[in-house]
Protein backbone atom coordinates (compact mmCIF):
# COMPACT_ATOMS: atom_id res chain seq x y z
CA MET A 1 22.96 47.27 -1.91
CA ARG A 2 21.68 44.95 -4.74
CA LEU A 3 24.15 43.03 -6.95
CA SER A 4 23.71 45.39 -10.11
CA GLU A 5 24.68 48.14 -7.93
CA GLU A 6 27.33 46.64 -6.88
CA ARG A 7 28.79 45.45 -10.16
CA TYR A 8 28.34 49.24 -11.13
CA ASP A 9 30.43 50.43 -8.23
CA ASN A 10 33.42 48.00 -9.79
CA PRO A 11 35.77 49.95 -12.25
CA ALA A 12 36.93 46.82 -13.78
CA TYR A 13 33.12 45.54 -14.32
CA ARG A 14 32.56 49.45 -15.82
CA ASP A 15 35.46 49.07 -18.10
CA ILE A 16 34.53 45.96 -19.17
CA LYS A 17 30.74 46.79 -19.91
CA ASN A 18 31.85 49.98 -21.83
CA SER A 19 34.20 48.10 -23.78
CA ILE A 20 31.51 45.84 -24.85
CA ASP A 21 28.99 48.43 -25.27
CA THR A 22 31.47 50.86 -27.90
CA ALA A 23 32.17 46.94 -29.60
CA LYS A 24 28.39 46.33 -30.08
CA GLU A 25 27.88 50.09 -31.54
CA GLU A 26 30.99 49.68 -33.90
CA GLY A 27 29.83 46.57 -34.90
CA ARG A 28 26.25 47.98 -35.61
CA GLU A 29 27.77 50.64 -37.30
CA GLU A 30 29.82 48.54 -39.71
CA GLY A 31 26.78 46.38 -40.28
CA ARG A 32 25.01 49.26 -41.38
CA VAL A 33 27.84 50.88 -43.77
CA GLU A 34 28.19 47.19 -45.45
CA GLY A 35 24.33 47.28 -46.00
CA ILE A 36 24.43 50.63 -47.76
CA ALA A 37 27.18 49.39 -50.05
CA LYS A 38 25.30 46.43 -50.78
CA GLU A 39 22.01 48.32 -51.52
CA LYS A 40 24.05 50.74 -53.68
CA LEU A 41 25.65 47.73 -55.85
CA ALA A 42 22.14 46.37 -56.37
CA THR A 43 20.60 49.43 -57.27
CA ALA A 44 23.31 49.92 -59.71
CA LYS A 45 22.80 46.81 -61.43
CA ARG A 46 19.08 47.26 -61.94
CA LEU A 47 19.78 50.81 -63.54
CA LEU A 48 22.71 49.31 -65.65
CA GLY A 49 19.48 46.54 -66.75
CA MET A 50 17.15 49.70 -67.42
CA GLY A 51 19.94 50.57 -70.19
CA LEU A 52 21.38 53.53 -68.35
CA THR A 53 25.00 54.52 -69.23
CA GLN A 54 27.56 53.46 -66.55
CA GLU A 55 28.27 57.16 -66.07
CA GLN A 56 24.39 57.94 -65.15
CA VAL A 57 24.61 54.68 -62.87
CA ALA A 58 27.73 56.33 -60.88
CA LYS A 59 25.88 59.78 -60.65
CA GLY A 60 22.78 58.22 -59.38
CA THR A 61 24.65 55.93 -56.85
CA ASP A 62 27.54 57.67 -56.05
CA LEU A 63 29.69 54.78 -57.04
CA SER A 64 32.64 55.22 -58.83
CA ILE A 65 33.30 54.20 -62.80
CA GLU A 66 35.49 51.55 -61.86
CA ASP A 67 32.88 50.03 -59.44
CA ILE A 68 30.45 49.88 -62.25
CA GLU A 69 32.62 48.32 -64.42
CA ARG A 70 33.23 45.71 -62.33
CA LEU A 71 29.52 44.97 -62.32
CA VAL A 72 29.24 44.61 -65.91
């Protein structure tokens, strides 16, 4: 049996590996969510700069009026 096969036969190794893999995926998802939020704010700033109303920007970006007001 190879070393890699022995590792997967070890329940403690599998548990630790699964925990690490889960943490990595959760971190990736958190990063995606943060990236989307930042892009929405950047889009809102551009739309405000183009002269759209806060209500139009909120509707177009799915941000709240409060979020838009913080940008002004």
